[in-house]
Amino acid sequence: MTDSYLKRLLGEHEEILHTAHQHWFLLLRDAAPELALTILGAVLVTQIWTQIARTSYAALGYLVLLIPFGMVIKDYLIWANHKYVVTSHRVIQLFGVFNKNVTDSSLDKVNDVKLEQSFFGRLFGYGDIQILTASEMGINRFTRIGRPVKFKSAMLNAKQHLEHGEGKPNASGPSQQALIANLDALHAAGVLSSEEYAAKKANVTKG
């Protein structure tokens, strides 16, 4: 689901085409110590401390466990809010839970895209993407991004569509008013008889 902050960043007629995060390995790396401490502490509190003091110390021990558990939640929020987004006009890097930091590169200024994947990166599906632009920023680097090949393809396809003036196809098709106006024109030109016009207009109205 697209977050409301990201939606507010979009310009008129700009659409989100692809969204990626850093690989979940990075989340696991950051959260593993706190998660292990939480699990170990819970076992100690349950198996040992309750044997010594049935209520008070056990309750205090569980309260202390909220500290490493809260750090796990913090790591997840940081990871989830660090996004790499390809839109129909640009590439956006967005991070920050409360304070937001946004960097974007216009697709029309992207000169080249470099993808780097190690052996393990290919094995587990992560890599680095380096975007060379004609702007003052010069180089924009996305590190340890998940599914980098798909991200690169989405960005290059969006750039090609933008350069050729091609918009994203409208899945809903022409509006009902546009179809009826087209039928009116065909009927007025004598292409459609009155019976054909009435039948086709009824189908459009139903649909």
Protein backbone atom coordinates (compact mmCIF):
# COMPACT_ATOMS: atom_id res chain seq x y z
CA MET A 1 0.00 0.00 0.00
CA THR A 2 1.32 3.43 -0.94
CA ASP A 3 1.82 5.67 2.09
CA SER A 4 0.17 9.07 2.18
CA TYR A 5 3.47 10.97 2.36
CA LEU A 6 4.71 9.38 -0.85
CA LYS A 7 1.44 10.17 -2.58
CA ARG A 8 1.84 13.85 -1.67
CA LEU A 9 5.23 13.89 -3.40
CA LEU A 10 3.76 12.96 -6.75
CA GLY A 11 3.16 15.58 -9.40
CA GLU A 12 0.17 15.86 -11.69
CA HIS A 13 -0.27 12.76 -13.88
CA GLU A 14 2.72 11.13 -12.15
CA GLU A 15 2.28 7.45 -11.30
CA ILE A 16 4.20 5.00 -9.14
CA LEU A 17 5.53 2.15 -11.27
CA HIS A 18 7.75 0.21 -8.87
CA THR A 19 8.69 0.35 -5.19
CA ALA A 20 11.64 -1.43 -3.56
CA HIS A 21 13.38 -1.64 -0.19
CA GLN A 22 16.83 -2.62 0.89
CA HIS A 23 17.16 -6.39 1.13
CA TRP A 24 15.61 -7.97 4.22
CA PHE A 25 19.07 -9.28 5.14
CA LEU A 26 19.90 -5.78 6.33
CA LEU A 27 16.85 -5.71 8.56
CA LEU A 28 17.76 -9.11 9.97
CA ARG A 29 21.35 -7.97 10.56
CA ASP A 30 20.27 -4.89 12.49
CA ALA A 31 17.44 -6.51 14.44
CA ALA A 32 19.01 -9.91 15.18
CA PRO A 33 20.93 -8.88 18.36
CA GLU A 34 17.90 -7.18 19.92
CA LEU A 35 15.60 -10.03 18.88
CA ALA A 36 17.96 -12.64 20.33
CA LEU A 37 18.23 -10.64 23.55
CA THR A 38 14.46 -10.42 23.78
CA ILE A 39 13.99 -14.17 23.32
CA LEU A 40 16.80 -15.05 25.73
CA GLY A 41 15.48 -12.63 28.33
CA ALA A 42 11.96 -14.02 28.01
CA VAL A 43 13.28 -17.55 28.60
CA LEU A 44 15.29 -16.45 31.64
CA VAL A 45 12.37 -14.56 33.14
CA THR A 46 9.99 -17.45 32.61
CA GLN A 47 12.25 -20.32 33.65
CA ILE A 48 14.41 -18.82 36.40
CA TRP A 49 13.18 -15.54 37.84
CA THR A 50 9.67 -16.81 38.47
CA GLN A 51 11.22 -19.62 40.52
CA ILE A 52 12.85 -17.06 42.84
CA ALA A 53 10.17 -14.44 43.10
CA ARG A 54 6.78 -15.49 41.86
CA THR A 55 5.39 -12.09 40.89
CA SER A 56 7.31 -8.87 41.47
CA TYR A 57 10.69 -9.72 39.93
CA ALA A 58 9.09 -11.56 37.06
CA ALA A 59 6.90 -8.57 36.25
CA LEU A 60 9.94 -6.29 36.38
CA GLY A 61 11.87 -8.66 34.11
CA TYR A 62 9.12 -8.64 31.49
CA LEU A 63 9.04 -4.84 31.67
CA VAL A 64 12.79 -4.66 31.00
CA LEU A 65 12.26 -6.86 27.92
CA LEU A 66 10.30 -4.03 26.33
CA ILE A 67 13.59 -2.19 25.73
CA PRO A 68 15.17 -4.63 23.23
CA PHE A 69 11.75 -5.38 21.74
CA GLY A 70 11.22 -1.67 21.16
CA MET A 71 14.59 -1.54 19.41
CA VAL A 72 13.44 -4.32 17.06
CA ILE A 73 10.35 -2.27 16.21
CA LYS A 74 12.57 0.77 15.60
CA ASP A 75 14.81 -1.19 13.20
CA TYR A 76 11.77 -2.41 11.29
CA LEU A 77 10.28 1.08 10.96
CA ILE A 78 13.59 2.45 9.66
CA TRP A 79 13.82 -0.36 7.09
CA ALA A 80 10.17 -0.11 6.02
CA ASN A 81 10.37 3.67 5.54
CA HIS A 82 13.55 3.51 3.42
CA LYS A 83 12.08 3.23 -0.07
CA TYR A 84 13.32 3.37 -3.63
CA VAL A 85 10.53 4.37 -5.99
CA VAL A 86 10.31 4.50 -9.77
CA THR A 87 7.58 6.79 -11.08
CA SER A 88 6.60 7.76 -14.59
CA HIS A 89 8.85 10.86 -14.31
CA ARG A 90 11.65 10.20 -11.81
CA VAL A 91 13.41 7.93 -9.33
CA ILE A 92 12.82 8.77 -5.66
CA GLN A 93 14.82 7.73 -2.61
CA LEU A 94 12.82 8.28 0.56
CA PHE A 95 13.87 7.53 4.11
CA GLY A 96 13.07 8.61 7.65
CA VAL A 97 10.31 7.59 10.05
CA PHE A 98 9.35 11.02 11.41
CA ASN A 99 11.85 13.35 9.75
CA LYS A 100 11.72 12.64 6.02
CA ASN A 101 14.63 12.90 3.60
CA VAL A 102 13.78 12.79 -0.10
CA THR A 103 16.19 12.63 -3.03
CA ASP A 104 15.01 12.27 -6.60
CA SER A 105 16.52 12.03 -10.06
CA SER A 106 14.53 13.02 -13.13
CA LEU A 107 14.37 10.21 -15.67
CA ASP A 108 15.12 12.60 -18.53
CA LYS A 109 18.47 13.45 -16.87
CA VAL A 110 19.53 9.84 -16.28
CA ASN A 111 22.50 9.11 -18.55
CA ASP A 112 23.42 5.62 -17.44
CA VAL A 113 22.54 2.96 -14.88
CA LYS A 114 25.09 0.56 -13.41
CA LEU A 115 24.14 -2.62 -11.58
CA GLU A 116 26.58 -4.43 -9.30
CA GLN A 117 25.84 -7.86 -7.87
CA SER A 118 28.22 -10.14 -6.03
CA PHE A 119 27.88 -13.92 -6.08
CA PHE A 120 25.84 -13.85 -2.88
CA GLY A 121 23.88 -10.88 -4.21
CA ARG A 122 22.79 -12.94 -7.21
CA LEU A 123 22.08 -15.91 -4.96
CA PHE A 124 19.89 -14.03 -2.48
CA GLY A 125 18.53 -11.30 -4.75
CA TYR A 126 20.21 -8.03 -3.77
CA GLY A 127 22.67 -5.61 -5.31
CA ASP A 128 23.81 -2.01 -5.74
CA ILE A 129 22.44 0.34 -8.38
CA GLN A 130 24.37 3.41 -9.44
CA ILE A 131 22.51 6.10 -11.37
CA LEU A 132 24.58 8.60 -13.37
CA THR A 133 22.70 11.80 -14.08
CA ALA A 134 23.31 15.10 -15.83
CA SER A 135 22.18 17.02 -12.73
CA GLU A 136 24.39 18.59 -10.06
CA MET A 137 24.05 15.43 -8.00
CA GLY A 138 26.01 13.48 -10.60
CA ILE A 139 25.79 9.99 -9.09
CA ASN A 140 23.02 8.51 -7.00
CA ARG A 141 23.81 5.13 -5.42
CA PHE A 142 21.27 2.67 -4.00
CA THR A 143 22.97 0.03 -1.85
CA ARG A 144 21.83 -3.51 -1.09
CA ILE A 145 18.52 -3.01 -2.82
CA GLY A 146 16.20 -6.00 -3.10
CA ARG A 147 15.44 -7.37 -6.59
CA PRO A 148 17.79 -4.90 -8.30
CA VAL A 149 17.32 -6.32 -11.80
CA LYS A 150 13.58 -5.71 -11.65
CA PHE A 151 14.17 -2.19 -10.30
CA LYS A 152 16.61 -1.37 -13.09
CA SER A 153 14.23 -2.72 -15.74
CA ALA A 154 11.34 -0.69 -14.35
CA MET A 155 13.45 2.47 -14.38
CA LEU A 156 14.76 1.99 -17.92
CA ASN A 157 11.28 1.17 -19.22
CA ALA A 158 9.88 4.30 -17.58
CA LYS A 159 12.67 6.40 -19.11
CA GLN A 160 11.96 4.96 -22.56
CA HIS A 161 8.24 5.69 -22.25
CA LEU A 162 8.98 9.23 -21.13
CA GLU A 163 11.40 9.89 -24.00
CA HIS A 164 8.89 8.64 -26.56
CA GLY A 165 6.03 10.54 -24.98
CA GLU A 166 4.19 7.37 -24.12
CA GLY A 167 1.93 7.40 -21.13
CA LYS A 168 0.98 4.42 -19.06
CA PRO A 169 -2.03 2.68 -20.64
CA ASN A 170 -5.31 3.42 -18.97
CA ALA A 171 -6.62 0.08 -17.69
CA SER A 172 -10.18 1.38 -17.50
CA GLY A 173 -10.30 2.27 -21.22
CA PRO A 174 -12.24 5.18 -22.74
CA SER A 175 -14.90 6.79 -20.58
CA GLN A 176 -18.60 6.24 -21.21
CA GLN A 177 -19.01 9.84 -22.36
CA ALA A 178 -16.22 9.45 -24.90
CA LEU A 179 -17.77 6.27 -26.31
CA ILE A 180 -21.20 7.87 -26.62
CA ALA A 181 -19.69 10.94 -28.31
CA ASN A 182 -17.95 8.63 -30.79
CA LEU A 183 -21.24 6.85 -31.52
CA ASP A 184 -22.97 10.20 -32.03
CA ALA A 185 -20.35 11.19 -34.59
CA LEU A 186 -20.66 7.90 -36.45
CA HIS A 187 -24.45 8.16 -36.48
CA ALA A 188 -24.34 11.75 -37.70
CA ALA A 189 -21.94 10.75 -40.49
CA GLY A 190 -24.30 7.99 -41.61
CA VAL A 191 -21.89 5.18 -40.71
CA LEU A 192 -24.35 3.75 -38.19
CA SER A 193 -28.05 3.33 -38.82
CA SER A 194 -30.53 4.46 -36.20
CA GLU A 195 -31.08 0.86 -35.09
CA GLU A 196 -27.34 0.16 -34.82
CA TYR A 197 -26.79 3.45 -33.02
CA ALA A 198 -29.55 2.70 -30.47
CA ALA A 199 -28.27 -0.85 -29.85
CA LYS A 200 -24.64 0.18 -29.38
CA LYS A 201 -25.58 3.12 -27.17
CA ALA A 202 -27.65 0.79 -24.99
CA ASN A 203 -24.66 -1.54 -24.61
CA VAL A 204 -22.38 1.34 -23.63
CA THR A 205 -24.91 2.61 -21.09
CA LYS A 206 -25.24 -0.86 -19.56
CA GLY A 207 -21.51 -1.44 -19.43
